[in-house]
Amino acid sequence: MSVTYGTLAPHVAIRLKQLFPRIAKGQSKGFTFPNDTLHCADLAWFVSRYPMAMSLDDQLSLDGGRAQFEGEQAAMCDYRHDLC
């Protein structure tokens, strides 16, 4: 499943395409990303640095995916620590 997030200023769209090379260079709006925890974490990082307007539902979905990603990463660190 994919989700389209937010509205971007042109200079922000250029930066987004640099960071996410799968986006077509000619695409100007309606950026769609896979709805998985890794993309949520990367997009949350991007949104924390660049202005983007999005609906409350989109923001909650993004934040939830980011939190899940961070939880999974913490669990992997805990697991690896137990092995050492």
PDB file of N, CA and C in Angstrom:
ATOM      1  N   MET A   1       0.835  -1.173   0.000  1.00  0.00           N
ATOM      2  CA  MET A   1       0.000   0.000   0.000  1.00  0.00           C
ATOM      3  C   MET A   1       0.881   1.238   0.000  1.00  0.00           C
ATOM      4  N   SER A   2       0.483   2.276  -0.729  1.00  0.00           N
ATOM      5  CA  SER A   2       1.216   3.526  -0.792  1.00  0.00           C
ATOM      6  C   SER A   2       0.361   4.653  -0.260  1.00  0.00           C
ATOM      7  N   VAL A   3       1.043   5.709   0.222  1.00  0.00           N
ATOM      8  CA  VAL A   3       0.361   6.870   0.775  1.00  0.00           C
ATOM      9  C   VAL A   3       0.982   8.116   0.180  1.00  0.00           C
ATOM     10  N   THR A   4       0.157   9.122  -0.153  1.00  0.00           N
ATOM     11  CA  THR A   4       0.635  10.410  -0.623  1.00  0.00           C
ATOM     12  C   THR A   4       0.604  11.372   0.542  1.00  0.00           C
ATOM     13  N   TYR A   5       1.744  12.011   0.830  1.00  0.00           N
ATOM     14  CA  TYR A   5       1.853  12.935   1.943  1.00  0.00           C
ATOM     15  C   TYR A   5       2.061  14.350   1.463  1.00  0.00           C
ATOM     16  N   GLY A   6       1.270  15.288   2.004  1.00  0.00           N
ATOM     17  CA  GLY A   6       1.563  16.702   1.996  1.00  0.00           C
ATOM     18  C   GLY A   6       1.673  17.422   0.675  1.00  0.00           C
ATOM     19  N   THR A   7       1.942  18.732   0.806  1.00  0.00           N
ATOM     20  CA  THR A   7       2.136  19.645  -0.302  1.00  0.00           C
ATOM     21  C   THR A   7       3.485  20.323  -0.105  1.00  0.00           C
ATOM     22  N   LEU A   8       4.287  20.424  -1.171  1.00  0.00           N
ATOM     23  CA  LEU A   8       5.640  20.937  -1.038  1.00  0.00           C
ATOM     24  C   LEU A   8       5.879  22.191  -1.863  1.00  0.00           C
ATOM     25  N   ALA A   9       6.721  23.076  -1.330  1.00  0.00           N
ATOM     26  CA  ALA A   9       7.223  24.206  -2.101  1.00  0.00           C
ATOM     27  C   ALA A   9       8.203  23.652  -3.143  1.00  0.00           C
ATOM     28  N   PRO A  10       8.385  24.352  -4.280  1.00  0.00           N
ATOM     29  CA  PRO A  10       9.263  23.812  -5.335  1.00  0.00           C
ATOM     30  C   PRO A  10      10.680  23.475  -4.870  1.00  0.00           C
ATOM     31  N   HIS A  11      11.313  24.330  -4.078  1.00  0.00           N
ATOM     32  CA  HIS A  11      12.685  24.042  -3.640  1.00  0.00           C
ATOM     33  C   HIS A  11      12.733  22.826  -2.717  1.00  0.00           C
ATOM     34  N   VAL A  12      11.665  22.581  -1.995  1.00  0.00           N
ATOM     35  CA  VAL A  12      11.598  21.419  -1.111  1.00  0.00           C
ATOM     36  C   VAL A  12      11.388  20.157  -1.949  1.00  0.00           C
ATOM     37  N   ALA A  13      10.584  20.263  -2.995  1.00  0.00           N
ATOM     38  CA  ALA A  13      10.364  19.118  -3.884  1.00  0.00           C
ATOM     39  C   ALA A  13      11.677  18.683  -4.539  1.00  0.00           C
ATOM     40  N   ILE A  14      12.516  19.652  -4.897  1.00  0.00           N
ATOM     41  CA  ILE A  14      13.816  19.330  -5.488  1.00  0.00           C
ATOM     42  C   ILE A  14      14.663  18.543  -4.491  1.00  0.00           C
ATOM     43  N   ARG A  15      14.693  19.001  -3.255  1.00  0.00           N
ATOM     44  CA  ARG A  15      15.468  18.310  -2.220  1.00  0.00           C
ATOM     45  C   ARG A  15      14.911  16.909  -1.960  1.00  0.00           C
ATOM     46  N   LEU A  16      13.593  16.781  -1.956  1.00  0.00           N
ATOM     47  CA  LEU A  16      12.955  15.480  -1.742  1.00  0.00           C
ATOM     48  C   LEU A  16      13.405  14.490  -2.820  1.00  0.00           C
ATOM     49  N   LYS A  17      13.456  14.944  -4.074  1.00  0.00           N
ATOM     50  CA  LYS A  17      13.863  14.075  -5.169  1.00  0.00           C
ATOM     51  C   LYS A  17      15.331  13.686  -5.059  1.00  0.00           C
ATOM     52  N   GLN A  18      16.154  14.556  -4.468  1.00  0.00           N
ATOM     53  CA  GLN A  18      17.558  14.206  -4.253  1.00  0.00           C
ATOM     54  C   GLN A  18      17.691  13.106  -3.200  1.00  0.00           C
ATOM     55  N   LEU A  19      16.875  13.172  -2.175  1.00  0.00           N
ATOM     56  CA  LEU A  19      16.962  12.212  -1.075  1.00  0.00           C
ATOM     57  C   LEU A  19      16.241  10.901  -1.358  1.00  0.00           C
ATOM     58  N   PHE A  20      15.244  10.955  -2.215  1.00  0.00           N
ATOM     59  CA  PHE A  20      14.474   9.768  -2.587  1.00  0.00           C
ATOM     60  C   PHE A  20      14.578   9.590  -4.107  1.00  0.00           C
ATOM     61  N   PRO A  21      15.659   8.960  -4.585  1.00  0.00           N
ATOM     62  CA  PRO A  21      15.925   8.910  -6.026  1.00  0.00           C
ATOM     63  C   PRO A  21      14.906   8.136  -6.860  1.00  0.00           C
ATOM     64  N   ARG A  22      14.022   7.405  -6.235  1.00  0.00           N
ATOM     65  CA  ARG A  22      12.994   6.694  -7.016  1.00  0.00           C
ATOM     66  C   ARG A  22      11.909   7.633  -7.532  1.00  0.00           C
ATOM     67  N   ILE A  23      11.861   8.853  -7.017  1.00  0.00           N
ATOM     68  CA  ILE A  23      10.897   9.840  -7.508  1.00  0.00           C
ATOM     69  C   ILE A  23      11.394  10.364  -8.848  1.00  0.00           C
ATOM     70  N   ALA A  24      10.518  10.374  -9.838  1.00  0.00           N
ATOM     71  CA  ALA A  24      10.882  10.877 -11.162  1.00  0.00           C
ATOM     72  C   ALA A  24      11.255  12.353 -11.078  1.00  0.00           C
ATOM     73  N   LYS A  25      12.335  12.736 -11.751  1.00  0.00           N
ATOM     74  CA  LYS A  25      12.816  14.123 -11.697  1.00  0.00           C
ATOM     75  C   LYS A  25      11.781  15.111 -12.221  1.00  0.00           C
ATOM     76  N   GLY A  26      10.939  14.686 -13.152  1.00  0.00           N
ATOM     77  CA  GLY A  26       9.930  15.572 -13.717  1.00  0.00           C
ATOM     78  C   GLY A  26       8.653  15.681 -12.906  1.00  0.00           C
ATOM     79  N   GLN A  27       8.520  14.861 -11.892  1.00  0.00           N
ATOM     80  CA  GLN A  27       7.312  14.867 -11.067  1.00  0.00           C
ATOM     81  C   GLN A  27       7.287  16.126 -10.213  1.00  0.00           C
ATOM     82  N   SER A  28       6.121  16.793 -10.155  1.00  0.00           N
ATOM     83  CA  SER A  28       6.056  18.064  -9.434  1.00  0.00           C
ATOM     84  C   SER A  28       5.093  18.068  -8.257  1.00  0.00           C
ATOM     85  N   LYS A  29       4.216  17.090  -8.190  1.00  0.00           N
ATOM     86  CA  LYS A  29       3.310  17.013  -7.039  1.00  0.00           C
ATOM     87  C   LYS A  29       2.733  15.612  -6.939  1.00  0.00           C
ATOM     88  N   GLY A  30       2.076  15.354  -5.814  1.00  0.00           N
ATOM     89  CA  GLY A  30       1.485  14.038  -5.608  1.00  0.00           C
ATOM     90  C   GLY A  30       2.526  12.962  -5.388  1.00  0.00           C
ATOM     91  N   PHE A  31       3.516  13.245  -4.557  1.00  0.00           N
ATOM     92  CA  PHE A  31       4.566  12.281  -4.262  1.00  0.00           C
ATOM     93  C   PHE A  31       3.996  11.148  -3.418  1.00  0.00           C
ATOM     94  N   THR A  32       4.166   9.929  -3.900  1.00  0.00           N
ATOM     95  CA  THR A  32       3.624   8.759  -3.229  1.00  0.00           C
ATOM     96  C   THR A  32       4.771   7.848  -2.810  1.00  0.00           C
ATOM     97  N   PHE A  33       4.676   7.361  -1.564  1.00  0.00           N
ATOM     98  CA  PHE A  33       5.718   6.501  -1.004  1.00  0.00           C
ATOM     99  C   PHE A  33       5.081   5.222  -0.475  1.00  0.00           C
ATOM    100  N   PRO A  34       5.839   4.143  -0.443  1.00  0.00           N
ATOM    101  CA  PRO A  34       5.336   2.929   0.209  1.00  0.00           C
ATOM    102  C   PRO A  34       5.008   3.233   1.677  1.00  0.00           C
ATOM    103  N   ASN A  35       3.944   2.664   2.165  1.00  0.00           N
ATOM    104  CA  ASN A  35       3.523   2.896   3.551  1.00  0.00           C
ATOM    105  C   ASN A  35       4.154   1.827   4.443  1.00  0.00           C
ATOM    106  N   ASP A  36       5.462   2.010   4.692  1.00  0.00           N
ATOM    107  CA  ASP A  36       6.176   1.095   5.577  1.00  0.00           C
ATOM    108  C   ASP A  36       6.962   1.916   6.592  1.00  0.00           C
ATOM    109  N   THR A  37       7.463   1.238   7.599  1.00  0.00           N
ATOM    110  CA  THR A  37       8.092   1.964   8.707  1.00  0.00           C
ATOM    111  C   THR A  37       9.373   2.674   8.284  1.00  0.00           C
ATOM    112  N   LEU A  38      10.146   2.104   7.376  1.00  0.00           N
ATOM    113  CA  LEU A  38      11.385   2.741   6.941  1.00  0.00           C
ATOM    114  C   LEU A  38      11.104   4.056   6.222  1.00  0.00           C
ATOM    115  N   HIS A  39      10.137   4.038   5.310  1.00  0.00           N
ATOM    116  CA  HIS A  39       9.789   5.277   4.615  1.00  0.00           C
ATOM    117  C   HIS A  39       9.199   6.300   5.587  1.00  0.00           C
ATOM    118  N   CYS A  40       8.396   5.843   6.537  1.00  0.00           N
ATOM    119  CA  CYS A  40       7.850   6.774   7.535  1.00  0.00           C
ATOM    120  C   CYS A  40       8.970   7.443   8.321  1.00  0.00           C
ATOM    121  N   ALA A  41       9.971   6.679   8.715  1.00  0.00           N
ATOM    122  CA  ALA A  41      11.090   7.242   9.476  1.00  0.00           C
ATOM    123  C   ALA A  41      11.860   8.252   8.631  1.00  0.00           C
ATOM    124  N   ASP A  42      12.141   7.913   7.384  1.00  0.00           N
ATOM    125  CA  ASP A  42      12.869   8.835   6.512  1.00  0.00           C
ATOM    126  C   ASP A  42      12.059  10.094   6.214  1.00  0.00           C
ATOM    127  N   LEU A  43      10.771   9.915   5.964  1.00  0.00           N
ATOM    128  CA  LEU A  43       9.927  11.085   5.687  1.00  0.00           C
ATOM    129  C   LEU A  43       9.735  11.955   6.921  1.00  0.00           C
ATOM    130  N   ALA A  44       9.631  11.352   8.087  1.00  0.00           N
ATOM    131  CA  ALA A  44       9.518  12.136   9.321  1.00  0.00           C
ATOM    132  C   ALA A  44      10.774  12.973   9.526  1.00  0.00           C
ATOM    133  N   TRP A  45      11.938  12.395   9.238  1.00  0.00           N
ATOM    134  CA  TRP A  45      13.186  13.148   9.312  1.00  0.00           C
ATOM    135  C   TRP A  45      13.149  14.319   8.342  1.00  0.00           C
ATOM    136  N   PHE A  46      12.705  14.055   7.100  1.00  0.00           N
ATOM    137  CA  PHE A  46      12.636  15.093   6.071  1.00  0.00           C
ATOM    138  C   PHE A  46      11.692  16.219   6.505  1.00  0.00           C
ATOM    139  N   VAL A  47      10.530  15.868   6.997  1.00  0.00           N
ATOM    140  CA  VAL A  47       9.529  16.855   7.400  1.00  0.00           C
ATOM    141  C   VAL A  47      10.022  17.688   8.585  1.00  0.00           C
ATOM    142  N   SER A  48      10.866  17.103   9.431  1.00  0.00           N
ATOM    143  CA  SER A  48      11.394  17.861  10.569  1.00  0.00           C
ATOM    144  C   SER A  48      12.356  18.960  10.106  1.00  0.00           C
ATOM    145  N   ARG A  49      12.849  18.869   8.881  1.00  0.00           N
ATOM    146  CA  ARG A  49      13.819  19.839   8.372  1.00  0.00           C
ATOM    147  C   ARG A  49      13.294  20.743   7.273  1.00  0.00           C
ATOM    148  N   TYR A  50      12.259  20.341   6.584  1.00  0.00           N
ATOM    149  CA  TYR A  50      11.723  21.094   5.457  1.00  0.00           C
ATOM    150  C   TYR A  50      10.224  21.295   5.644  1.00  0.00           C
ATOM    151  N   PRO A  51       9.729  22.464   5.272  1.00  0.00           N
ATOM    152  CA  PRO A  51       8.301  22.741   5.465  1.00  0.00           C
ATOM    153  C   PRO A  51       7.412  21.872   4.575  1.00  0.00           C
ATOM    154  N   MET A  52       6.392  21.300   5.180  1.00  0.00           N
ATOM    155  CA  MET A  52       5.430  20.503   4.429  1.00  0.00           C
ATOM    156  C   MET A  52       4.089  20.564   5.135  1.00  0.00           C
ATOM    157  N   ALA A  53       3.074  20.900   4.380  1.00  0.00           N
ATOM    158  CA  ALA A  53       1.713  20.889   4.921  1.00  0.00           C
ATOM    159  C   ALA A  53       1.113  19.514   4.665  1.00  0.00           C
ATOM    160  N   MET A  54       0.477  18.954   5.705  1.00  0.00           N
ATOM    161  CA  MET A  54      -0.213  17.677   5.519  1.00  0.00           C
ATOM    162  C   MET A  54      -1.392  17.613   6.478  1.00  0.00           C
ATOM    163  N   SER A  55      -2.313  16.761   6.167  1.00  0.00           N
ATOM    164  CA  SER A  55      -3.498  16.613   7.009  1.00  0.00           C
ATOM    165  C   SER A  55      -3.105  15.986   8.348  1.00  0.00           C
ATOM    166  N   LEU A  56      -3.959  16.147   9.319  1.00  0.00           N
ATOM    167  CA  LEU A  56      -3.714  15.546  10.632  1.00  0.00           C
ATOM    168  C   LEU A  56      -3.633  14.024  10.526  1.00  0.00           C
ATOM    169  N   ASP A  57      -4.505  13.429   9.723  1.00  0.00           N
ATOM    170  CA  ASP A  57      -4.469  11.970   9.531  1.00  0.00           C
ATOM    171  C   ASP A  57      -3.131  11.518   8.950  1.00  0.00           C
ATOM    172  N   ASP A  58      -2.618  12.258   7.944  1.00  0.00           N
ATOM    173  CA  ASP A  58      -1.322  11.920   7.367  1.00  0.00           C
ATOM    174  C   ASP A  58      -0.212  12.063   8.400  1.00  0.00           C
ATOM    175  N   GLN A  59      -0.272  13.130   9.192  1.00  0.00           N
ATOM    176  CA  GLN A  59       0.756  13.350  10.217  1.00  0.00           C
ATOM    177  C   GLN A  59       0.736  12.232  11.259  1.00  0.00           C
ATOM    178  N   LEU A  60      -0.452  11.829  11.670  1.00  0.00           N
ATOM    179  CA  LEU A  60      -0.565  10.749  12.652  1.00  0.00           C
ATOM    180  C   LEU A  60      -0.054   9.425  12.087  1.00  0.00           C
ATOM    181  N   SER A  61      -0.352   9.167  10.828  1.00  0.00           N
ATOM    182  CA  SER A  61       0.125   7.946  10.173  1.00  0.00           C
ATOM    183  C   SER A  61       1.647   7.957  10.071  1.00  0.00           C
ATOM    184  N   LEU A  62       2.192   9.087   9.687  1.00  0.00           N
ATOM    185  CA  LEU A  62       3.642   9.221   9.570  1.00  0.00           C
ATOM    186  C   LEU A  62       4.327   9.054  10.924  1.00  0.00           C
ATOM    187  N   ASP A  63       3.790   9.714  11.931  1.00  0.00           N
ATOM    188  CA  ASP A  63       4.364   9.616  13.279  1.00  0.00           C
ATOM    189  C   ASP A  63       4.266   8.197  13.835  1.00  0.00           C
ATOM    190  N   GLY A  64       3.153   7.540  13.570  1.00  0.00           N
ATOM    191  CA  GLY A  64       2.986   6.162  14.029  1.00  0.00           C
ATOM    192  C   GLY A  64       3.979   5.220  13.379  1.00  0.00           C
ATOM    193  N   GLY A  65       4.185   5.372  12.078  1.00  0.00           N
ATOM    194  CA  GLY A  65       5.161   4.547  11.371  1.00  0.00           C
ATOM    195  C   GLY A  65       6.575   4.807  11.851  1.00  0.00           C
ATOM    196  N   ARG A  66       6.902   6.074  12.107  1.00  0.00           N
ATOM    197  CA  ARG A  66       8.223   6.424  12.616  1.00  0.00           C
ATOM    198  C   ARG A  66       8.450   5.818  13.992  1.00  0.00           C
ATOM    199  N   ALA A  67       7.453   5.925  14.861  1.00  0.00           N
ATOM    200  CA  ALA A  67       7.569   5.369  16.209  1.00  0.00           C
ATOM    201  C   ALA A  67       7.748   3.850  16.163  1.00  0.00           C
ATOM    202  N   GLN A  68       7.021   3.201  15.262  1.00  0.00           N
ATOM    203  CA  GLN A  68       7.160   1.747  15.122  1.00  0.00           C
ATOM    204  C   GLN A  68       8.569   1.395  14.632  1.00  0.00           C
ATOM    205  N   PHE A  69       9.076   2.149  13.670  1.00  0.00           N
ATOM    206  CA  PHE A  69      10.432   1.920  13.167  1.00  0.00           C
ATOM    207  C   PHE A  69      11.453   2.066  14.294  1.00  0.00           C
ATOM    208  N   GLU A  70      11.331   3.132  15.087  1.00  0.00           N
ATOM    209  CA  GLU A  70      12.262   3.360  16.191  1.00  0.00           C
ATOM    210  C   GLU A  70      12.173   2.246  17.234  1.00  0.00           C
ATOM    211  N   GLY A  71      10.962   1.745  17.481  1.00  0.00           N
ATOM    212  CA  GLY A  71      10.795   0.616  18.404  1.00  0.00           C
ATOM    213  C   GLY A  71      11.467  -0.641  17.882  1.00  0.00           C
ATOM    214  N   GLU A  72      11.327  -0.897  16.582  1.00  0.00           N
ATOM    215  CA  GLU A  72      11.972  -2.064  15.974  1.00  0.00           C
ATOM    216  C   GLU A  72      13.493  -1.940  16.045  1.00  0.00           C
ATOM    217  N   GLN A  73      14.001  -0.736  15.812  1.00  0.00           N
ATOM    218  CA  GLN A  73      15.448  -0.514  15.885  1.00  0.00           C
ATOM    219  C   GLN A  73      15.962  -0.719  17.311  1.00  0.00           C
ATOM    220  N   ALA A  74      15.221  -0.224  18.279  1.00  0.00           N
ATOM    221  CA  ALA A  74      15.615  -0.397  19.681  1.00  0.00           C
ATOM    222  C   ALA A  74      15.605  -1.868  20.066  1.00  0.00           C
ATOM    223  N   ALA A  75      14.623  -2.608  19.589  1.00  0.00           N
ATOM    224  CA  ALA A  75      14.548  -4.043  19.888  1.00  0.00           C
ATOM    225  C   ALA A  75      15.739  -4.781  19.284  1.00  0.00           C
ATOM    226  N   MET A  76      16.140  -4.399  18.075  1.00  0.00           N
ATOM    227  CA  MET A  76      17.307  -5.038  17.460  1.00  0.00           C
ATOM    228  C   MET A  76      18.579  -4.721  18.240  1.00  0.00           C
ATOM    229  N   CYS A  77      18.698  -3.486  18.722  1.00  0.00           N
ATOM    230  CA  CYS A  77      19.872  -3.113  19.529  1.00  0.00           C
ATOM    231  C   CYS A  77      19.894  -3.900  20.831  1.00  0.00           C
ATOM    232  N   ASP A  78      18.728  -4.061  21.459  1.00  0.00           N
ATOM    233  CA  ASP A  78      18.645  -4.847  22.692  1.00  0.00           C
ATOM    234  C   ASP A  78      19.038  -6.291  22.434  1.00  0.00           C
ATOM    235  N   TYR A  79      18.568  -6.848  21.333  1.00  0.00           N
ATOM    236  CA  TYR A  79      18.874  -8.236  20.979  1.00  0.00           C
ATOM    237  C   TYR A  79      20.372  -8.407  20.759  1.00  0.00           C
ATOM    238  N   ARG A  80      20.969  -7.487  20.004  1.00  0.00           N
ATOM    239  CA  ARG A  80      22.397  -7.588  19.732  1.00  0.00           C
ATOM    240  C   ARG A  80      23.208  -7.412  21.020  1.00  0.00           C
ATOM    241  N   HIS A  81      22.783  -6.550  21.884  1.00  0.00           N
ATOM    242  CA  HIS A  81      23.484  -6.326  23.147  1.00  0.00           C
ATOM    243  C   HIS A  81      23.483  -7.600  24.003  1.00  0.00           C
ATOM    244  N   ASP A  82      22.364  -8.328  23.987  1.00  0.00           N
ATOM    245  CA  ASP A  82      22.268  -9.571  24.751  1.00  0.00           C
ATOM    246  C   ASP A  82      23.249 -10.625  24.230  1.00  0.00           C
ATOM    247  N   LEU A  83      23.587 -10.559  22.955  1.00  0.00           N
ATOM    248  CA  LEU A  83      24.508 -11.543  22.377  1.00  0.00           C
ATOM    249  C   LEU A  83      25.971 -11.252  22.731  1.00  0.00           C
ATOM    250  N   CYS A  84      26.264 -10.022  23.077  1.00  0.00           N
ATOM    251  CA  CYS A  84      27.665  -9.628  23.359  1.00  0.00           C
ATOM    252  C   CYS A  84      28.124 -10.052  24.732  1.00  0.00           C
TER     253      CYS A  84
END
